[in-house]
Structure formats: C-alpha cells, structure tokens
N, C-alpha and C. Protein backbone atom coordinates (compact mmCIF):
# COMPACT_ATOMS: atom_id res chain seq x y z
N MET A 1 -5.77 5.69 -86.32
CA MET A 1 -4.81 5.31 -85.26
C MET A 1 -3.57 6.20 -85.26
N ALA A 2 -3.33 6.87 -86.37
CA ALA A 2 -2.13 7.73 -86.47
C ALA A 2 -2.43 9.17 -86.00
N LEU A 3 -3.67 9.46 -85.66
CA LEU A 3 -4.05 10.83 -85.23
C LEU A 3 -3.41 11.17 -83.93
N LYS A 4 -2.78 12.32 -83.83
CA LYS A 4 -2.12 12.81 -82.63
C LYS A 4 -2.58 14.26 -82.38
N MET A 5 -2.66 14.57 -81.11
CA MET A 5 -2.98 15.93 -80.71
C MET A 5 -1.85 16.86 -81.11
N PHE A 6 -2.14 17.98 -81.74
CA PHE A 6 -1.13 18.93 -82.15
C PHE A 6 -1.10 20.13 -81.19
N GLY A 7 0.03 20.32 -80.57
CA GLY A 7 0.18 21.42 -79.61
C GLY A 7 -0.80 21.29 -78.47
N ASP A 8 -1.50 22.39 -78.19
CA ASP A 8 -2.49 22.41 -77.13
C ASP A 8 -3.94 22.44 -77.66
N ASP A 9 -4.10 22.08 -78.92
CA ASP A 9 -5.40 22.15 -79.57
C ASP A 9 -6.25 20.90 -79.32
N LEU A 10 -6.74 20.81 -78.04
CA LEU A 10 -7.51 19.66 -77.64
C LEU A 10 -8.84 19.56 -78.39
N ASP A 11 -9.51 20.68 -78.53
CA ASP A 11 -10.83 20.66 -79.20
C ASP A 11 -10.79 20.16 -80.57
N SER A 12 -9.76 20.52 -81.34
CA SER A 12 -9.62 20.01 -82.73
C SER A 12 -9.32 18.51 -82.75
N TYR A 13 -8.52 18.08 -81.78
CA TYR A 13 -8.20 16.66 -81.67
C TYR A 13 -9.47 15.88 -81.40
N ILE A 14 -10.24 16.30 -80.40
CA ILE A 14 -11.48 15.60 -80.09
C ILE A 14 -12.42 15.55 -81.26
N SER A 15 -12.63 16.70 -81.92
CA SER A 15 -13.54 16.78 -83.04
C SER A 15 -13.08 15.85 -84.20
N THR A 16 -11.79 15.89 -84.50
CA THR A 16 -11.28 15.08 -85.62
C THR A 16 -11.36 13.61 -85.22
N PHE A 17 -11.03 13.27 -83.97
CA PHE A 17 -11.13 11.89 -83.53
C PHE A 17 -12.54 11.35 -83.70
N LYS A 18 -13.52 12.11 -83.22
CA LYS A 18 -14.93 11.63 -83.33
C LYS A 18 -15.34 11.50 -84.79
N ASN A 19 -14.92 12.43 -85.64
CA ASN A 19 -15.25 12.41 -87.04
C ASN A 19 -14.65 11.15 -87.72
N LEU A 20 -13.40 10.87 -87.41
CA LEU A 20 -12.71 9.68 -87.97
C LEU A 20 -13.37 8.40 -87.46
N CYS A 21 -13.74 8.34 -86.19
CA CYS A 21 -14.43 7.18 -85.64
C CYS A 21 -15.73 6.96 -86.36
N ASN A 22 -16.47 8.01 -86.62
CA ASN A 22 -17.70 7.92 -87.32
C ASN A 22 -17.51 7.39 -88.75
N GLN A 23 -16.49 7.93 -89.48
CA GLN A 23 -16.20 7.44 -90.81
C GLN A 23 -15.77 6.01 -90.83
N ALA A 24 -15.05 5.56 -89.82
CA ALA A 24 -14.54 4.19 -89.78
C ALA A 24 -15.51 3.27 -89.09
N ASN A 25 -16.66 3.76 -88.68
CA ASN A 25 -17.63 2.96 -87.97
C ASN A 25 -17.08 2.36 -86.66
N TYR A 26 -16.23 3.10 -85.98
CA TYR A 26 -15.71 2.68 -84.68
C TYR A 26 -16.75 2.98 -83.62
N ASP A 27 -16.90 2.10 -82.68
CA ASP A 27 -17.79 2.28 -81.53
C ASP A 27 -17.01 3.05 -80.46
N ILE A 28 -17.41 4.27 -80.21
CA ILE A 28 -16.69 5.10 -79.27
C ILE A 28 -16.88 4.65 -77.82
N THR A 29 -17.69 3.67 -77.58
CA THR A 29 -17.89 3.18 -76.20
C THR A 29 -16.97 2.01 -75.86
N THR A 30 -16.21 1.51 -76.81
CA THR A 30 -15.34 0.37 -76.51
C THR A 30 -14.05 0.81 -75.89
N GLU A 31 -13.43 -0.11 -75.11
CA GLU A 31 -12.17 0.20 -74.46
C GLU A 31 -11.09 0.44 -75.49
N GLY A 32 -11.11 -0.30 -76.60
CA GLY A 32 -10.09 -0.11 -77.62
C GLY A 32 -10.10 1.26 -78.24
N THR A 33 -11.30 1.80 -78.45
CA THR A 33 -11.42 3.15 -79.05
C THR A 33 -10.92 4.17 -78.06
N MET A 34 -11.25 3.98 -76.77
CA MET A 34 -10.80 4.94 -75.73
C MET A 34 -9.29 4.88 -75.60
N HIS A 35 -8.71 3.68 -75.79
CA HIS A 35 -7.24 3.54 -75.71
C HIS A 35 -6.61 4.32 -76.90
N ILE A 36 -7.19 4.20 -78.05
CA ILE A 36 -6.66 4.94 -79.23
C ILE A 36 -6.74 6.44 -78.95
N PHE A 37 -7.86 6.89 -78.40
CA PHE A 37 -8.04 8.29 -78.06
C PHE A 37 -6.93 8.74 -77.09
N ALA A 38 -6.73 7.99 -76.04
CA ALA A 38 -5.77 8.34 -75.02
C ALA A 38 -4.33 8.35 -75.61
N GLN A 39 -4.00 7.40 -76.45
CA GLN A 39 -2.69 7.35 -77.05
C GLN A 39 -2.37 8.54 -77.97
N GLY A 40 -3.43 9.17 -78.49
CA GLY A 40 -3.22 10.30 -79.37
C GLY A 40 -3.08 11.61 -78.66
N LEU A 41 -3.35 11.61 -77.35
CA LEU A 41 -3.17 12.85 -76.57
C LEU A 41 -1.71 13.20 -76.48
N LYS A 42 -1.43 14.46 -76.24
CA LYS A 42 -0.07 14.92 -76.00
C LYS A 42 0.45 14.16 -74.77
N LYS A 43 1.66 13.65 -74.80
CA LYS A 43 2.21 12.80 -73.75
C LYS A 43 2.10 13.41 -72.39
N SER A 44 2.42 14.68 -72.24
CA SER A 44 2.38 15.29 -70.94
C SER A 44 0.93 15.34 -70.42
N LEU A 45 -0.03 15.53 -71.31
CA LEU A 45 -1.44 15.55 -70.93
C LEU A 45 -1.86 14.18 -70.51
N LEU A 46 -1.52 13.14 -71.24
CA LEU A 46 -1.86 11.79 -70.91
C LEU A 46 -1.29 11.42 -69.54
N GLN A 47 -0.03 11.81 -69.31
CA GLN A 47 0.61 11.49 -68.02
C GLN A 47 -0.14 12.21 -66.88
N ALA A 48 -0.52 13.43 -67.09
CA ALA A 48 -1.23 14.21 -66.04
C ALA A 48 -2.55 13.51 -65.70
N ILE A 49 -3.22 12.96 -66.70
CA ILE A 49 -4.50 12.28 -66.49
C ILE A 49 -4.26 10.96 -65.70
N LEU A 50 -3.29 10.21 -66.19
CA LEU A 50 -3.02 8.90 -65.59
C LEU A 50 -2.42 8.97 -64.17
N TYR A 51 -1.59 9.98 -63.90
CA TYR A 51 -0.94 10.09 -62.62
C TYR A 51 -1.54 11.11 -61.69
N GLY A 52 -2.64 11.76 -62.11
CA GLY A 52 -3.28 12.79 -61.34
C GLY A 52 -4.01 12.20 -60.15
N GLN A 53 -4.69 13.08 -59.43
CA GLN A 53 -5.38 12.71 -58.20
C GLN A 53 -6.70 12.02 -58.48
N GLY A 54 -7.30 12.23 -59.66
CA GLY A 54 -8.60 11.66 -59.97
C GLY A 54 -8.48 10.20 -60.39
N THR A 55 -9.66 9.62 -60.65
CA THR A 55 -9.69 8.25 -61.15
C THR A 55 -9.42 8.21 -62.67
N ILE A 56 -8.95 7.09 -63.12
CA ILE A 56 -8.69 6.97 -64.54
C ILE A 56 -10.07 6.87 -65.26
N PRO A 57 -10.24 7.66 -66.33
CA PRO A 57 -11.53 7.73 -67.05
C PRO A 57 -11.93 6.35 -67.59
N ASN A 58 -13.25 6.10 -67.63
CA ASN A 58 -13.77 4.82 -68.13
C ASN A 58 -14.55 4.97 -69.41
N THR A 59 -14.88 6.22 -69.78
CA THR A 59 -15.64 6.45 -70.99
C THR A 59 -14.97 7.55 -71.81
N LEU A 60 -15.32 7.66 -73.07
CA LEU A 60 -14.74 8.68 -73.90
C LEU A 60 -15.06 10.09 -73.37
N ILE A 61 -16.29 10.27 -72.88
CA ILE A 61 -16.71 11.55 -72.32
C ILE A 61 -15.84 11.87 -71.10
N GLN A 62 -15.59 10.87 -70.26
CA GLN A 62 -14.73 11.08 -69.10
C GLN A 62 -13.28 11.42 -69.54
N TRP A 63 -12.81 10.79 -70.57
CA TRP A 63 -11.48 11.12 -71.10
C TRP A 63 -11.43 12.57 -71.56
N GLU A 64 -12.46 12.98 -72.33
CA GLU A 64 -12.54 14.36 -72.79
C GLU A 64 -12.53 15.33 -71.63
N ASP A 65 -13.40 15.05 -70.65
CA ASP A 65 -13.50 15.95 -69.49
C ASP A 65 -12.18 16.01 -68.67
N ALA A 66 -11.57 14.83 -68.49
CA ALA A 66 -10.29 14.81 -67.80
C ALA A 66 -9.22 15.61 -68.56
N ALA A 67 -9.19 15.46 -69.87
CA ALA A 67 -8.22 16.18 -70.66
C ALA A 67 -8.43 17.71 -70.57
N ARG A 68 -9.71 18.10 -70.66
CA ARG A 68 -10.02 19.54 -70.55
C ARG A 68 -9.66 20.08 -69.19
N ASP A 69 -9.93 19.30 -68.12
CA ASP A 69 -9.60 19.73 -66.75
C ASP A 69 -8.11 19.87 -66.60
N GLU A 70 -7.35 18.93 -67.11
CA GLU A 70 -5.88 19.01 -67.01
C GLU A 70 -5.31 20.17 -67.82
N MET A 71 -5.94 20.47 -68.96
CA MET A 71 -5.47 21.64 -69.74
C MET A 71 -5.77 22.92 -68.97
N LYS A 72 -6.91 23.01 -68.30
CA LYS A 72 -7.23 24.17 -67.49
C LYS A 72 -6.24 24.30 -66.31
N LYS A 73 -5.94 23.20 -65.67
CA LYS A 73 -4.97 23.24 -64.52
C LYS A 73 -3.62 23.71 -65.05
N HIS A 74 -3.20 23.18 -66.18
CA HIS A 74 -1.92 23.55 -66.72
C HIS A 74 -1.85 25.09 -67.02
N ALA A 75 -2.90 25.54 -67.65
CA ALA A 75 -2.94 27.02 -67.95
C ALA A 75 -2.94 27.84 -66.70
N TYR A 76 -3.65 27.39 -65.70
CA TYR A 76 -3.70 28.12 -64.42
C TYR A 76 -2.29 28.10 -63.74
N ARG A 77 -1.64 26.91 -63.72
CA ARG A 77 -0.31 26.84 -63.14
C ARG A 77 0.65 27.76 -63.88
N GLN A 78 0.59 27.78 -65.19
CA GLN A 78 1.50 28.63 -65.96
C GLN A 78 1.23 30.09 -65.62
N THR A 79 -0.01 30.49 -65.47
CA THR A 79 -0.35 31.85 -65.15
C THR A 79 0.14 32.23 -63.74
N MET A 80 -0.01 31.32 -62.81
CA MET A 80 0.43 31.60 -61.41
C MET A 80 1.95 31.59 -61.27
N LEU A 81 2.59 30.70 -61.98
CA LEU A 81 4.06 30.53 -61.83
C LEU A 81 4.83 31.53 -62.69
N ASN A 82 4.22 32.04 -63.74
CA ASN A 82 4.89 32.94 -64.68
C ASN A 82 4.04 34.19 -64.91
N PRO A 83 3.80 34.98 -63.82
CA PRO A 83 2.95 36.18 -64.03
C PRO A 83 3.59 37.18 -64.94
N GLY A 84 2.74 37.91 -65.68
CA GLY A 84 3.22 38.95 -66.52
C GLY A 84 3.81 38.43 -67.76
C-alpha cells in the first residue's frame, strides 16, 4: 500500500505493483486492488486519467493502458510545446 510511482517510471511501478500483489496474494481483479494501484500513481497522472476525455478504467489492465496513454500524451505535449 505504500508503493508509489517514482518520477515517470510507469513500467517499473506496474511491474513492482504486480509482483507485490502476487507475493501478498492480492486479487488484481478487485476494486480495492485497483484503487491501491491508482493511488500509487503520480498525482498528475492520476488526475489526467480521472479528468480526461475517456471513461474511468474498470480493470487493472484498463488502468495500465490509461496510464500509458496519458504518459504518451504528456510526452507529445512537451515535445510540441517545447521544441528543441
């Protein structure tokens, strides 16, 4: 429950989260586990997912996909707004 995403390293967060869930015998399909996952995301990333144009994710896979999509959008915005 204390796991937090460090910087922009989403892949490490996802991998560590799944590993810890496995060790703790957490069911990754429950709403509580998905809530823990979401709470560990970087605040700005969580806000982008919750307030974005898409629907709020219902599964851990959807949370992962939404987080990756938002990270891609953020990188693209940074590239476009800050060229060079």
